């Protein structure tokens, strides 16, 4: 059926959505018919995109259907996708509208595969999740290497360096996975693969500690996005008939690379749950944390030690004069402390 638009961008007011709008304004050809969509008309107007604006809440399925039916391709940057994305994908499959997003929520992608893959494939509808940093560089990079080296490719390793931080949408998606317990499914190395009967190879096991990689000639630590990217690459391999092991690492350079890799590997064992960070047990080669001494009490009152502080002693009329004529010395600094407890006087 004829469509009003080539592309509709849903979630245009978010962090990635705003960048996408700016890119389209600068680079989209004049013949491209595109529009932006979201739930807040005022925020969409504030983007000054100079293109049609459509409003639809993610929980309002009839309004979602109305915008999906008007476009050939729907791009979504509205996450967490497990909360806001299912209705969009459902409408795209029903109206045969191609779909792409930037999710990294592999548990949700597994659900999409189980629910929609057969119908979408039969209709020729393209449903393409994970089209952001996770996992386009990994997927295309691995396929390019395999294509270049040929069918003899047995292993592909990817090494990443990162700087900067995470935006609010990414953090919200991660927290939603942890709170829902969906993060447990991410441990399956073949989570997104069609069907795998073999055991994972050594390289396909998720790294959990620091290591020196002789191929990269550098210290490495587990990569934050590896549990997402590796699953996507392995699905691509299975669908393209390729068979090579793939893994990702954080590469660390510099004179302190070893300790930094150790710190990053330890930090990777932290997971938020119920507002509290739970740490994995300390590795055996680390020194145990010293036990805290019991807080002293005196007649039922808690005795709090005062911090040592420095105090400058000055005479009221100026600096302290030296005994030697014509010279003065700097004021002395004294360390002072106060102890209170049974059997000890204050000093």
Protein backbone atom coordinates (compact mmCIF):
# COMPACT_ATOMS: atom_id res chain seq x y z
CA UNK A 1 0.00 0.00 0.00
CA UNK A 2 1.21 3.59 -0.58
CA UNK A 3 2.81 5.23 2.46
CA UNK A 4 2.97 8.91 3.40
CA UNK A 5 6.57 8.71 4.67
CA UNK A 6 9.78 6.87 3.94
CA UNK A 7 10.95 7.06 7.58
CA UNK A 8 9.35 7.98 10.89
CA UNK A 9 11.66 8.48 13.87
CA UNK A 10 9.92 7.51 17.10
CA UNK A 11 11.44 8.77 20.36
CA UNK A 12 12.91 11.87 18.72
CA UNK A 13 13.18 13.89 21.94
CA UNK A 14 15.56 11.52 23.76
CA UNK A 15 19.34 11.72 23.85
CA UNK A 16 19.95 9.58 20.76
CA UNK A 17 16.76 10.80 19.11
CA UNK A 18 17.92 14.42 19.17
CA UNK A 19 21.24 13.45 17.59
CA UNK A 20 19.39 11.51 14.91
CA UNK A 21 17.18 14.51 14.13
CA UNK A 22 20.26 16.73 13.80
CA UNK A 23 21.90 14.20 11.47
CA UNK A 24 18.81 13.92 9.28
CA UNK A 25 18.49 17.70 9.03
CA UNK A 26 22.07 17.94 7.79
CA UNK A 27 22.42 14.84 5.64
CA UNK A 28 19.00 13.57 4.55
CA UNK A 29 18.40 14.02 0.79
CA UNK A 30 15.71 16.50 -0.15
CA UNK A 31 13.65 13.71 -1.70
CA UNK A 32 13.43 11.76 1.59
CA UNK A 33 10.02 12.01 3.22
CA UNK A 34 10.54 11.73 6.96
CA UNK A 35 8.73 12.69 10.14
CA UNK A 36 9.31 12.61 13.89
CA UNK A 37 7.06 11.06 16.50
CA UNK A 38 6.71 10.75 20.26
CA UNK A 39 4.26 11.27 23.06
CA UNK A 40 4.98 14.92 23.94
CA UNK A 41 3.99 17.43 21.24
CA UNK A 42 5.63 20.40 22.96
CA UNK A 43 9.02 18.69 23.17
CA UNK A 44 8.77 17.57 19.57
CA UNK A 45 7.99 21.16 18.49
CA UNK A 46 11.05 22.38 20.41
CA UNK A 47 13.32 20.32 18.13
CA UNK A 48 12.58 22.66 15.19
CA UNK A 49 12.99 19.78 12.78
CA UNK A 50 10.75 21.42 10.13
CA UNK A 51 9.15 18.09 9.29
CA UNK A 52 5.70 16.63 10.09
CA UNK A 53 5.15 15.77 13.76
CA UNK A 54 3.09 12.78 14.91
CA UNK A 55 2.09 11.99 18.49
CA UNK A 56 1.52 8.54 19.93
CA UNK A 57 2.03 7.09 23.39
CA UNK A 58 3.70 3.71 23.53
CA UNK A 59 0.82 2.29 25.58
CA UNK A 60 -1.81 3.59 23.11
CA UNK A 61 -1.79 0.81 20.53
CA UNK A 62 -4.35 2.39 18.14
CA UNK A 63 -2.23 5.55 17.88
CA UNK A 64 0.92 3.46 17.39
CA UNK A 65 -0.84 1.53 14.62
CA UNK A 66 -1.83 4.77 12.90
CA UNK A 67 1.75 6.05 12.59
CA UNK A 68 3.26 2.66 11.71
CA UNK A 69 0.77 2.25 8.86
CA UNK A 70 1.91 5.55 7.32
CA UNK A 71 5.62 4.78 6.86
CA UNK A 72 7.87 2.33 5.04
CA UNK A 73 10.46 2.29 7.84
CA UNK A 74 10.10 3.00 11.54
CA UNK A 75 13.21 3.94 13.53
CA UNK A 76 12.90 3.83 17.32
CA UNK A 77 15.22 5.38 19.89
CA UNK A 78 12.70 5.13 22.75
CA UNK A 79 13.97 2.85 25.51
CA UNK A 80 13.86 0.84 27.68
CA UNK A 81 12.62 -1.15 24.72
CA UNK A 82 11.28 -4.02 26.82
CA UNK A 83 8.84 -1.44 28.23
CA UNK A 84 8.14 0.83 25.27
CA UNK A 85 9.07 -1.17 22.18
CA UNK A 86 6.91 -4.29 21.94
CA UNK A 87 3.83 -2.48 20.66
CA UNK A 88 5.88 -0.82 17.93
CA UNK A 89 7.35 -4.11 16.71
CA UNK A 90 3.96 -5.80 16.85
CA UNK A 91 2.45 -3.07 14.66
CA UNK A 92 5.40 -3.20 12.23
CA UNK A 93 4.96 -6.93 11.74
CA UNK A 94 1.21 -6.57 11.19
CA UNK A 95 1.54 -3.65 8.75
CA UNK A 96 4.72 -5.01 7.10
CA UNK A 97 6.71 -1.93 8.04
CA UNK A 98 10.48 -2.34 8.33
CA UNK A 99 11.81 -1.63 11.83
CA UNK A 100 15.17 -0.74 13.41
CA UNK A 101 16.16 0.34 16.92
CA UNK A 102 19.19 0.80 19.18
CA UNK A 103 18.32 -1.63 21.96
CA UNK A 104 20.88 -3.76 23.77
CA UNK A 105 18.25 -5.70 25.75
CA UNK A 106 18.99 -9.17 24.45
CA UNK A 107 16.32 -10.85 26.59
CA UNK A 108 13.72 -8.69 24.82
CA UNK A 109 15.25 -9.44 21.42
CA UNK A 110 14.95 -13.17 22.22
CA UNK A 111 11.24 -12.64 22.87
CA UNK A 112 10.86 -10.79 19.53
CA UNK A 113 12.55 -13.68 17.71
CA UNK A 114 10.27 -16.26 19.30
CA UNK A 115 7.11 -14.22 18.73
CA UNK A 116 7.60 -12.50 15.39
CA UNK A 117 10.48 -14.00 13.38
CA UNK A 118 8.52 -16.53 11.34
CA UNK A 119 5.77 -14.12 10.24
CA UNK A 120 8.18 -11.27 9.55
CA UNK A 121 10.42 -13.54 7.47
CA UNK A 122 7.45 -14.92 5.52
CA UNK A 123 6.22 -11.39 4.71
CA UNK A 124 9.67 -10.01 3.91
CA UNK A 125 9.53 -7.54 6.81
CA UNK A 126 12.90 -6.59 8.24
CA UNK A 127 13.03 -6.34 12.05
CA UNK A 128 16.51 -5.08 13.00
CA UNK A 129 17.16 -4.50 16.71
CA UNK A 130 20.61 -3.66 18.13
CA UNK A 131 21.49 -1.10 15.44
CA UNK A 132 23.47 1.24 17.67
CA UNK A 133 26.98 0.95 19.11
CA UNK A 134 25.68 -2.35 20.33
CA UNK A 135 26.04 -4.05 17.98
CA UNK A 136 26.76 -2.58 14.52
CA UNK A 137 30.58 -2.21 14.83
CA UNK A 138 30.88 -5.72 16.27
CA UNK A 139 28.56 -7.40 13.79
CA UNK A 140 29.84 -5.71 10.63
CA UNK A 141 33.46 -5.88 11.80
CA UNK A 142 33.34 -9.60 12.48
CA UNK A 143 31.56 -10.32 9.18
CA UNK A 144 34.09 -8.19 7.28
CA UNK A 145 37.01 -10.09 8.80
CA UNK A 146 35.39 -13.45 8.06
CA UNK A 147 34.69 -12.37 4.48
CA UNK A 148 38.28 -11.19 4.02
CA UNK A 149 39.95 -14.26 5.53
CA UNK A 150 37.51 -16.72 3.97
CA UNK A 151 36.02 -19.99 5.24
CA UNK A 152 39.20 -20.86 7.15
CA UNK A 153 38.36 -18.20 9.78
CA UNK A 154 38.27 -19.92 13.17
CA UNK A 155 38.50 -17.12 15.72
CA UNK A 156 37.80 -13.38 15.77
CA UNK A 157 38.66 -11.15 18.72
CA UNK A 158 37.59 -7.54 19.13
CA UNK A 159 39.34 -5.06 21.42
CA UNK A 160 37.66 -1.84 22.53
CA UNK A 161 38.76 1.36 24.22
CA UNK A 162 36.10 3.49 25.81
CA UNK A 163 35.79 6.96 27.22
CA UNK A 164 32.89 9.11 28.33
CA UNK A 165 29.78 7.86 30.09
CA UNK A 166 26.34 6.32 29.59
CA UNK A 167 23.23 8.29 28.73
CA UNK A 168 20.03 8.11 30.74
CA UNK A 169 18.24 5.77 28.35
CA UNK A 170 21.05 3.20 28.50
CA UNK A 171 21.11 3.32 32.29
CA UNK A 172 17.32 2.97 32.43
CA UNK A 173 17.47 -0.11 30.18
CA UNK A 174 20.19 -1.70 32.32
CA UNK A 175 18.29 -1.05 35.54
CA UNK A 176 15.11 -2.46 34.07
CA UNK A 177 16.93 -5.67 33.12
CA UNK A 178 18.38 -6.05 36.61
CA UNK A 179 15.10 -5.26 38.39
CA UNK A 180 13.12 -7.70 36.24
CA UNK A 181 15.72 -10.45 36.64
CA UNK A 182 16.18 -10.61 32.86
CA UNK A 183 19.93 -10.11 33.23
CA UNK A 184 20.25 -13.80 34.18
CA UNK A 185 19.34 -14.85 30.64
CA UNK A 186 22.28 -12.84 29.28
CA UNK A 187 24.70 -15.50 30.53
CA UNK A 188 23.66 -17.88 27.76
CA UNK A 189 26.39 -17.50 25.09
CA UNK A 190 23.94 -18.59 22.37
CA UNK A 191 20.93 -16.63 23.62
CA UNK A 192 20.02 -15.25 20.18
CA UNK A 193 21.22 -18.13 18.02
CA UNK A 194 18.56 -20.20 16.20
CA UNK A 195 19.61 -23.58 17.63
CA UNK A 196 23.01 -24.72 18.86
CA UNK A 197 23.58 -28.28 20.05
CA UNK A 198 27.31 -28.02 20.76
CA UNK A 199 29.00 -26.76 23.90
CA UNK A 200 30.59 -23.29 23.73
CA UNK A 201 34.25 -23.13 22.77
CA UNK A 202 36.76 -21.70 25.21
CA UNK A 203 36.82 -18.34 23.41
CA UNK A 204 33.03 -18.16 23.53
CA UNK A 205 32.93 -18.26 27.33
CA UNK A 206 32.48 -14.78 28.79
CA UNK A 207 35.73 -13.47 30.32
CA UNK A 208 35.44 -12.64 34.00
CA UNK A 209 38.94 -11.48 34.93
CA UNK A 210 41.92 -9.54 33.67
CA UNK A 211 44.42 -11.22 31.34
CA UNK A 212 47.38 -10.45 29.14
CA UNK A 213 46.51 -11.17 25.51
CA UNK A 214 49.57 -12.21 23.47
CA UNK A 215 47.80 -11.46 20.17
CA UNK A 216 47.01 -7.87 21.13
CA UNK A 217 50.19 -7.61 23.23
CA UNK A 218 48.19 -5.76 25.87
CA UNK A 219 46.34 -6.25 29.12
CA UNK A 220 42.62 -6.82 28.76
CA UNK A 221 39.52 -6.82 30.95
CA UNK A 222 35.91 -7.87 30.33
CA UNK A 223 34.11 -5.48 27.97
CA UNK A 224 30.89 -3.87 29.21
CA UNK A 225 28.91 -4.63 26.04
CA UNK A 226 30.36 -8.05 25.25
CA UNK A 227 27.36 -10.01 26.55
CA UNK A 228 25.24 -8.11 24.03
CA UNK A 229 27.53 -7.92 21.02
CA UNK A 230 28.80 -11.51 21.10
CA UNK A 231 25.25 -12.88 21.08
CA UNK A 232 24.36 -10.74 18.05
CA UNK A 233 27.49 -11.81 16.15
CA UNK A 234 26.82 -15.49 16.88
CA UNK A 235 23.27 -15.17 15.57
CA UNK A 236 24.60 -13.58 12.38
CA UNK A 237 27.09 -16.43 12.03
CA UNK A 238 24.37 -19.04 12.40
CA UNK A 239 22.09 -17.32 9.88
CA UNK A 240 24.93 -16.91 7.34
CA UNK A 241 26.31 -20.42 7.76
CA UNK A 242 29.59 -19.25 9.33
CA UNK A 243 31.36 -21.05 12.14
CA UNK A 244 33.98 -19.06 14.02
CA UNK A 245 34.40 -18.25 17.70
CA UNK A 246 33.99 -14.59 18.66
CA UNK A 247 34.85 -12.66 21.81
CA UNK A 248 35.32 -9.04 22.92
CA UNK A 249 37.61 -7.37 25.44
CA UNK A 250 38.52 -3.98 26.81
CA UNK A 251 42.11 -3.19 25.80
CA UNK A 252 44.22 -1.26 28.31
CA UNK A 253 47.50 0.46 27.49
CA UNK A 254 50.08 2.27 29.59
CA UNK A 255 52.50 1.54 32.40
CA UNK A 256 49.66 0.78 34.83
CA UNK A 257 47.73 -1.42 32.41
CA UNK A 258 47.93 -4.52 34.63
CA UNK A 259 46.52 -2.91 37.79
CA UNK A 260 43.90 -1.04 35.74
CA UNK A 261 42.78 -4.28 34.11
CA UNK A 262 42.51 -5.87 37.55
CA UNK A 263 40.43 -2.94 38.81
CA UNK A 264 38.14 -3.02 35.78
CA UNK A 265 37.63 -6.77 36.10
CA UNK A 266 36.71 -6.34 39.77
CA UNK A 267 34.40 -3.46 38.93
CA UNK A 268 32.65 -5.60 36.36
CA UNK A 269 31.44 -7.88 39.15
CA UNK A 270 29.29 -5.09 40.59
CA UNK A 271 25.59 -5.25 39.80
CA UNK A 272 22.89 -2.88 41.08
CA UNK A 273 19.90 -4.42 42.77
CA UNK A 274 17.36 -2.71 44.99
CA UNK A 275 19.54 0.39 45.11
CA UNK A 276 22.53 -1.47 46.58
CA UNK A 277 25.73 -2.48 44.84
CA UNK A 278 26.63 -6.12 45.48
CA UNK A 279 30.30 -7.00 45.02
CA UNK A 280 31.64 -10.41 44.14
CA UNK A 281 34.02 -12.00 46.68
CA UNK A 282 37.53 -10.62 46.67
CA UNK A 283 40.07 -12.61 44.66
CA UNK A 284 42.33 -14.72 46.90
CA UNK A 285 45.46 -12.75 45.99
CA UNK A 286 44.09 -9.59 47.55
CA UNK A 287 44.66 -8.66 51.14
CA UNK A 288 41.56 -9.02 53.29
CA UNK A 289 39.96 -5.89 54.63
CA UNK A 290 40.93 -5.17 58.25
CA UNK A 291 38.26 -5.77 60.83
CA UNK A 292 36.67 -2.74 62.38
CA UNK A 293 37.37 -2.29 66.05
CA UNK A 294 34.31 -2.22 68.31
CA UNK A 295 33.10 1.27 69.15
CA UNK A 296 34.11 2.06 72.78
CA UNK A 297 31.46 3.09 75.29
CA UNK A 298 31.66 4.68 78.71
CA UNK A 299 28.71 4.52 81.11
CA UNK A 300 26.40 3.81 78.20
CA UNK A 301 27.64 6.76 76.09
CA UNK A 302 29.26 6.17 72.69
CA UNK A 303 32.76 7.66 72.53
CA UNK A 304 33.57 9.10 69.11
CA UNK A 305 37.29 9.72 68.44
CA UNK A 306 38.14 13.18 67.23
CA UNK A 307 40.10 13.50 64.01
CA UNK A 308 43.66 14.75 64.32
CA UNK A 309 43.78 18.33 63.16
CA UNK A 310 46.43 20.96 62.67
CA UNK A 311 46.21 24.23 64.40
CA UNK A 312 48.44 27.25 63.91
CA UNK A 313 49.50 28.93 67.12
CA UNK A 314 50.06 32.66 66.81
CA UNK A 315 50.60 35.38 69.33
CA UNK A 316 47.98 38.12 69.33
CA UNK A 317 50.47 40.78 68.19
CA UNK A 318 52.01 38.95 65.21
CA UNK A 319 54.35 36.09 64.41
CA UNK A 320 56.47 34.41 67.03
CA UNK A 321 59.85 36.15 67.39
CA UNK A 322 63.05 34.18 67.32
CA UNK A 323 65.50 34.45 70.16
CA UNK A 324 68.17 35.41 67.64
CA UNK A 325 68.01 39.12 66.83
CA UNK A 326 66.84 40.20 63.38
CA UNK A 327 65.16 36.93 62.57
CA UNK A 328 61.67 35.62 62.99
CA UNK A 329 60.45 32.11 62.58
CA UNK A 330 57.25 30.80 61.11
CA UNK A 331 54.39 29.88 63.45
CA UNK A 332 54.55 26.33 64.68
CA UNK A 333 51.92 23.79 63.72
CA UNK A 334 50.93 21.25 66.29
CA UNK A 335 49.02 18.00 65.94
CA UNK A 336 46.35 17.78 68.59
CA UNK A 337 44.06 14.93 69.57
CA UNK A 338 41.57 14.14 72.29
CA UNK A 339 41.00 10.77 73.89
CA UNK A 340 38.19 9.98 76.27
CA UNK A 341 37.78 6.59 77.85
CA UNK A 342 38.08 4.51 81.00
CA UNK A 343 41.49 4.75 82.57
CA UNK A 344 42.72 7.57 80.35
CA UNK A 345 42.64 11.27 80.90
CA UNK A 346 42.07 13.93 78.31
CA UNK A 347 45.20 15.26 76.69
